[in-house]
């Protein structure tokens, strides 16, 4: 049995793509996922399955969400090791007096090239900062996530990927939940 974490993008935001987490849990259990556990309304879902391939798991969840709820929802699926690496490789945590509330991680659908940072054109979103590590982009917002152009749409457009962003407190909680499973 493998545990996967599916990060759903764009559900339950400003009244759009509304999905109750209990209904999502029931829907995913009905198609064979086990130990389904959700965390907050923004779409963080743990599932256990015999399937090892994260992309297959994501496709199955995406397909079922469309069938059950009628929403086209982009999904990025990550494993425990990826989340552990995310936690230990965040370069912004090494800074003195870093404001955790301004730290975010964009999880993207593919491993990024080493020159992907050039494609982000960070000069257009200064003073926000970013660092790429495989299929993650560590973000430090200067003011906050609500007052920036450097969001998931910007990342997706510049890098031609699917992306979903979580704040650092959520990343920390998701790792804790992974470890408790």
C-alpha atoms as a PDB file:
ATOM      1  CA  UNK A   1       0.000   0.000   0.000  1.00  0.00           C
ATOM      2  CA  UNK A   2       1.342   3.429  -0.953  1.00  0.00           C
ATOM      3  CA  UNK A   3       0.219   6.724   0.539  1.00  0.00           C
ATOM      4  CA  UNK A   4      -0.121   9.638  -1.868  1.00  0.00           C
ATOM      5  CA  UNK A   5      -0.910  13.278  -1.122  1.00  0.00           C
ATOM      6  CA  UNK A   6      -3.093  14.895  -3.771  1.00  0.00           C
ATOM      7  CA  UNK A   7      -2.956  18.697  -3.826  1.00  0.00           C
ATOM      8  CA  UNK A   8      -6.059  19.997  -5.570  1.00  0.00           C
ATOM      9  CA  UNK A   9      -5.890  23.460  -7.082  1.00  0.00           C
ATOM     10  CA  UNK A  10      -8.635  26.018  -7.049  1.00  0.00           C
ATOM     11  CA  UNK A  11     -11.389  24.369  -5.048  1.00  0.00           C
ATOM     12  CA  UNK A  12     -13.485  26.166  -2.437  1.00  0.00           C
ATOM     13  CA  UNK A  13     -11.939  29.519  -3.320  1.00  0.00           C
ATOM     14  CA  UNK A  14     -14.231  32.559  -3.354  1.00  0.00           C
ATOM     15  CA  UNK A  15     -17.297  30.376  -3.871  1.00  0.00           C
ATOM     16  CA  UNK A  16     -15.892  28.602  -6.944  1.00  0.00           C
ATOM     17  CA  UNK A  17     -15.521  24.838  -7.479  1.00  0.00           C
ATOM     18  CA  UNK A  18     -17.182  24.084  -4.158  1.00  0.00           C
ATOM     19  CA  UNK A  19     -16.560  20.564  -2.862  1.00  0.00           C
ATOM     20  CA  UNK A  20     -17.301  19.473   0.695  1.00  0.00           C
ATOM     21  CA  UNK A  21     -14.361  17.492   2.018  1.00  0.00           C
ATOM     22  CA  UNK A  22     -16.621  14.810   3.493  1.00  0.00           C
ATOM     23  CA  UNK A  23     -18.259  14.309   0.076  1.00  0.00           C
ATOM     24  CA  UNK A  24     -14.819  14.128  -1.565  1.00  0.00           C
ATOM     25  CA  UNK A  25     -13.685  11.561   0.994  1.00  0.00           C
ATOM     26  CA  UNK A  26     -16.776   9.404   0.366  1.00  0.00           C
ATOM     27  CA  UNK A  27     -16.356   9.707  -3.421  1.00  0.00           C
ATOM     28  CA  UNK A  28     -12.711   8.616  -3.341  1.00  0.00           C
ATOM     29  CA  UNK A  29     -13.415   5.714  -0.994  1.00  0.00           C
ATOM     30  CA  UNK A  30     -16.161   4.538  -3.367  1.00  0.00           C
ATOM     31  CA  UNK A  31     -13.625   4.113  -6.185  1.00  0.00           C
ATOM     32  CA  UNK A  32     -11.241   2.054  -4.057  1.00  0.00           C
ATOM     33  CA  UNK A  33      -8.928   4.471  -2.261  1.00  0.00           C
ATOM     34  CA  UNK A  34      -8.352   3.585   1.377  1.00  0.00           C
ATOM     35  CA  UNK A  35      -7.639   5.650   4.504  1.00  0.00           C
ATOM     36  CA  UNK A  36      -8.784   8.827   2.736  1.00  0.00           C
ATOM     37  CA  UNK A  37      -7.994  11.847   4.882  1.00  0.00           C
ATOM     38  CA  UNK A  38      -8.488  15.510   4.022  1.00  0.00           C
ATOM     39  CA  UNK A  39      -6.897  18.593   5.518  1.00  0.00           C
ATOM     40  CA  UNK A  40      -8.626  21.981   5.387  1.00  0.00           C
ATOM     41  CA  UNK A  41     -11.051  23.020   2.677  1.00  0.00           C
ATOM     42  CA  UNK A  42      -8.418  23.990   0.091  1.00  0.00           C
ATOM     43  CA  UNK A  43      -7.970  20.439  -1.181  1.00  0.00           C
ATOM     44  CA  UNK A  44      -5.249  18.424   0.504  1.00  0.00           C
ATOM     45  CA  UNK A  45      -6.149  14.727   0.333  1.00  0.00           C
ATOM     46  CA  UNK A  46      -4.211  11.682   1.501  1.00  0.00           C
ATOM     47  CA  UNK A  47      -5.108   8.344  -0.081  1.00  0.00           C
ATOM     48  CA  UNK A  48      -3.726   4.829   0.252  1.00  0.00           C
ATOM     49  CA  UNK A  49      -3.693   2.607  -2.813  1.00  0.00           C
ATOM     50  CA  UNK A  50      -1.874  -0.302  -4.432  1.00  0.00           C
ATOM     51  CA  UNK A  51      -1.003   2.097  -7.287  1.00  0.00           C
ATOM     52  CA  UNK A  52       2.588   3.378  -7.056  1.00  0.00           C
ATOM     53  CA  UNK A  53       2.402   5.817  -9.970  1.00  0.00           C
ATOM     54  CA  UNK A  54       1.562   9.312  -8.697  1.00  0.00           C
ATOM     55  CA  UNK A  55       0.398  10.520 -12.125  1.00  0.00           C
ATOM     56  CA  UNK A  56      -2.091   7.628 -12.377  1.00  0.00           C
ATOM     57  CA  UNK A  57      -3.439   8.398  -8.914  1.00  0.00           C
ATOM     58  CA  UNK A  58      -3.825  12.075  -9.828  1.00  0.00           C
ATOM     59  CA  UNK A  59      -5.589  11.231 -13.077  1.00  0.00           C
ATOM     60  CA  UNK A  60      -8.008   8.886 -11.315  1.00  0.00           C
ATOM     61  CA  UNK A  61      -8.844  11.511  -8.670  1.00  0.00           C
ATOM     62  CA  UNK A  62      -9.231  14.250 -11.286  1.00  0.00           C
ATOM     63  CA  UNK A  63     -11.519  12.061 -13.379  1.00  0.00           C
ATOM     64  CA  UNK A  64     -13.693  11.149 -10.386  1.00  0.00           C
ATOM     65  CA  UNK A  65     -13.989  14.774  -9.223  1.00  0.00           C
ATOM     66  CA  UNK A  66     -15.223  15.722 -12.676  1.00  0.00           C
ATOM     67  CA  UNK A  67     -17.740  12.859 -12.716  1.00  0.00           C
ATOM     68  CA  UNK A  68     -19.022  13.442  -9.183  1.00  0.00           C
ATOM     69  CA  UNK A  69     -18.860  17.230  -8.873  1.00  0.00           C
ATOM     70  CA  UNK A  70     -18.538  18.555 -12.433  1.00  0.00           C
ATOM     71  CA  UNK A  71     -15.327  20.473 -11.721  1.00  0.00           C
ATOM     72  CA  UNK A  72     -12.170  20.368 -13.833  1.00  0.00           C
ATOM     73  CA  UNK A  73      -9.558  20.436 -11.052  1.00  0.00           C
ATOM     74  CA  UNK A  74      -5.794  20.412 -11.678  1.00  0.00           C
ATOM     75  CA  UNK A  75      -4.024  18.065  -9.266  1.00  0.00           C
ATOM     76  CA  UNK A  76      -0.397  17.591  -8.236  1.00  0.00           C
ATOM     77  CA  UNK A  77       0.339  14.341  -6.378  1.00  0.00           C
ATOM     78  CA  UNK A  78       3.390  14.081  -4.133  1.00  0.00           C
ATOM     79  CA  UNK A  79       4.936  11.422  -1.935  1.00  0.00           C
ATOM     80  CA  UNK A  80       6.255  11.549   1.594  1.00  0.00           C
ATOM     81  CA  UNK A  81       9.900  11.755   0.475  1.00  0.00           C
ATOM     82  CA  UNK A  82       9.106  14.743  -1.740  1.00  0.00           C
ATOM     83  CA  UNK A  83       7.432  16.522   1.166  1.00  0.00           C
ATOM     84  CA  UNK A  84      10.356  15.690   3.483  1.00  0.00           C
ATOM     85  CA  UNK A  85      12.788  17.079   0.897  1.00  0.00           C
ATOM     86  CA  UNK A  86      10.614  20.156   0.540  1.00  0.00           C
ATOM     87  CA  UNK A  87      10.851  20.728   4.270  1.00  0.00           C
ATOM     88  CA  UNK A  88      14.618  20.308   4.560  1.00  0.00           C
ATOM     89  CA  UNK A  89      15.604  22.109   1.329  1.00  0.00           C
ATOM     90  CA  UNK A  90      13.769  25.420   1.793  1.00  0.00           C
ATOM     91  CA  UNK A  91      16.593  27.980   1.474  1.00  0.00           C
ATOM     92  CA  UNK A  92      14.548  30.739   3.087  1.00  0.00           C
ATOM     93  CA  UNK A  93      14.440  28.886   6.406  1.00  0.00           C
ATOM     94  CA  UNK A  94      18.187  29.483   6.739  1.00  0.00           C
ATOM     95  CA  UNK A  95      17.662  33.240   6.891  1.00  0.00           C
ATOM     96  CA  UNK A  96      17.700  34.905  10.294  1.00  0.00           C
ATOM     97  CA  UNK A  97      14.355  36.228  11.457  1.00  0.00           C
ATOM     98  CA  UNK A  98      12.465  34.971   8.397  1.00  0.00           C
ATOM     99  CA  UNK A  99       8.719  35.618   8.574  1.00  0.00           C
ATOM    100  CA  UNK A 100       7.160  32.154   8.170  1.00  0.00           C
ATOM    101  CA  UNK A 101       3.849  33.785   7.183  1.00  0.00           C
ATOM    102  CA  UNK A 102       5.467  34.997   3.959  1.00  0.00           C
ATOM    103  CA  UNK A 103       6.853  31.587   2.940  1.00  0.00           C
ATOM    104  CA  UNK A 104       5.023  29.447   0.403  1.00  0.00           C
ATOM    105  CA  UNK A 105       5.746  26.488  -1.842  1.00  0.00           C
ATOM    106  CA  UNK A 106       4.471  26.016  -5.378  1.00  0.00           C
ATOM    107  CA  UNK A 107       4.269  22.319  -6.190  1.00  0.00           C
ATOM    108  CA  UNK A 108       4.496  21.770  -9.938  1.00  0.00           C
ATOM    109  CA  UNK A 109       3.527  18.846 -12.134  1.00  0.00           C
ATOM    110  CA  UNK A 110       6.992  18.119 -13.554  1.00  0.00           C
ATOM    111  CA  UNK A 111      10.637  18.317 -12.517  1.00  0.00           C
ATOM    112  CA  UNK A 112      11.930  21.696 -13.626  1.00  0.00           C
ATOM    113  CA  UNK A 113      15.124  22.345 -15.561  1.00  0.00           C
ATOM    114  CA  UNK A 114      17.985  24.139 -13.846  1.00  0.00           C
ATOM    115  CA  UNK A 115      17.454  27.157 -16.130  1.00  0.00           C
ATOM    116  CA  UNK A 116      13.710  27.419 -15.317  1.00  0.00           C
ATOM    117  CA  UNK A 117      14.507  30.271 -12.946  1.00  0.00           C
ATOM    118  CA  UNK A 118      15.293  32.411 -16.012  1.00  0.00           C
ATOM    119  CA  UNK A 119      11.864  31.601 -17.444  1.00  0.00           C
ATOM    120  CA  UNK A 120      10.147  32.927 -14.311  1.00  0.00           C
ATOM    121  CA  UNK A 121      11.425  36.445 -15.060  1.00  0.00           C
ATOM    122  CA  UNK A 122      11.594  37.346 -11.368  1.00  0.00           C
ATOM    123  CA  UNK A 123      12.463  40.956 -12.188  1.00  0.00           C
ATOM    124  CA  UNK A 124       8.771  41.361 -13.107  1.00  0.00           C
ATOM    125  CA  UNK A 125       7.628  40.377  -9.606  1.00  0.00           C
ATOM    126  CA  UNK A 126      10.328  41.939  -7.416  1.00  0.00           C
ATOM    127  CA  UNK A 127      10.708  42.220  -4.451  1.00  0.00           C
ATOM    128  CA  UNK A 128       9.204  38.705  -4.155  1.00  0.00           C
ATOM    129  CA  UNK A 129      11.846  35.974  -4.211  1.00  0.00           C
ATOM    130  CA  UNK A 130      11.885  32.373  -5.414  1.00  0.00           C
ATOM    131  CA  UNK A 131      14.138  29.346  -5.545  1.00  0.00           C
ATOM    132  CA  UNK A 132      13.560  26.217  -7.662  1.00  0.00           C
ATOM    133  CA  UNK A 133      14.258  22.721  -6.350  1.00  0.00           C
ATOM    134  CA  UNK A 134      13.138  19.926  -8.687  1.00  0.00           C
ATOM    135  CA  UNK A 135       9.322  20.076  -8.793  1.00  0.00           C
ATOM    136  CA  UNK A 136       9.001  22.752  -6.109  1.00  0.00           C
ATOM    137  CA  UNK A 137       9.355  26.504  -6.133  1.00  0.00           C
ATOM    138  CA  UNK A 138      10.071  28.038  -2.758  1.00  0.00           C
ATOM    139  CA  UNK A 139       8.546  31.497  -2.507  1.00  0.00           C
ATOM    140  CA  UNK A 140       9.171  34.363  -0.116  1.00  0.00           C
ATOM    141  CA  UNK A 141       6.641  37.113  -0.599  1.00  0.00           C
ATOM    142  CA  UNK A 142       7.696  40.614   0.285  1.00  0.00           C
ATOM    143  CA  UNK A 143       4.257  41.753   1.422  1.00  0.00           C
ATOM    144  CA  UNK A 144       2.016  38.704   1.211  1.00  0.00           C
ATOM    145  CA  UNK A 145       0.364  36.221  -1.111  1.00  0.00           C
ATOM    146  CA  UNK A 146      -2.734  38.372  -1.596  1.00  0.00           C
ATOM    147  CA  UNK A 147      -0.782  41.343  -2.927  1.00  0.00           C
ATOM    148  CA  UNK A 148       1.466  39.858  -5.586  1.00  0.00           C
ATOM    149  CA  UNK A 149       1.497  39.026  -9.276  1.00  0.00           C
ATOM    150  CA  UNK A 150       3.704  36.014  -8.497  1.00  0.00           C
ATOM    151  CA  UNK A 151       0.900  33.495  -8.110  1.00  0.00           C
ATOM    152  CA  UNK A 152       0.031  30.088  -9.504  1.00  0.00           C
ATOM    153  CA  UNK A 153      -1.300  31.550 -12.772  1.00  0.00           C
ATOM    154  CA  UNK A 154       1.939  33.474 -13.302  1.00  0.00           C
ATOM    155  CA  UNK A 155       4.029  30.339 -12.639  1.00  0.00           C
ATOM    156  CA  UNK A 156       1.886  28.178 -14.922  1.00  0.00           C
ATOM    157  CA  UNK A 157       2.068  30.696 -17.759  1.00  0.00           C
ATOM    158  CA  UNK A 158       5.841  31.243 -17.528  1.00  0.00           C
ATOM    159  CA  UNK A 159       6.793  27.566 -17.076  1.00  0.00           C
ATOM    160  CA  UNK A 160       3.946  25.794 -18.908  1.00  0.00           C
ATOM    161  CA  UNK A 161       3.187  23.529 -15.917  1.00  0.00           C
ATOM    162  CA  UNK A 162       0.345  22.783 -13.529  1.00  0.00           C
ATOM    163  CA  UNK A 163       1.066  24.404 -10.167  1.00  0.00           C
ATOM    164  CA  UNK A 164      -0.609  24.674  -6.795  1.00  0.00           C
ATOM    165  CA  UNK A 165       0.660  26.792  -3.919  1.00  0.00           C
ATOM    166  CA  UNK A 166       0.566  26.069  -0.184  1.00  0.00           C
ATOM    167  CA  UNK A 167       1.684  28.291   2.671  1.00  0.00           C
ATOM    168  CA  UNK A 168       4.502  27.075   4.891  1.00  0.00           C
ATOM    169  CA  UNK A 169       2.215  26.323   7.848  1.00  0.00           C
ATOM    170  CA  UNK A 170       0.144  24.010   5.636  1.00  0.00           C
ATOM    171  CA  UNK A 171       3.292  22.292   4.317  1.00  0.00           C
ATOM    172  CA  UNK A 172       4.427  21.732   7.903  1.00  0.00           C
ATOM    173  CA  UNK A 173       1.051  20.306   8.920  1.00  0.00           C
ATOM    174  CA  UNK A 174       0.885  18.025   5.856  1.00  0.00           C
ATOM    175  CA  UNK A 175       4.307  16.573   6.690  1.00  0.00           C
ATOM    176  CA  UNK A 176       3.193  15.948  10.256  1.00  0.00           C
ATOM    177  CA  UNK A 177       0.083  14.175   8.955  1.00  0.00           C
ATOM    178  CA  UNK A 178       2.189  12.070   6.560  1.00  0.00           C
ATOM    179  CA  UNK A 179       4.391  11.003   9.468  1.00  0.00           C
ATOM    180  CA  UNK A 180       1.340  10.030  11.569  1.00  0.00           C
ATOM    181  CA  UNK A 181      -0.035   7.741   8.854  1.00  0.00           C
END
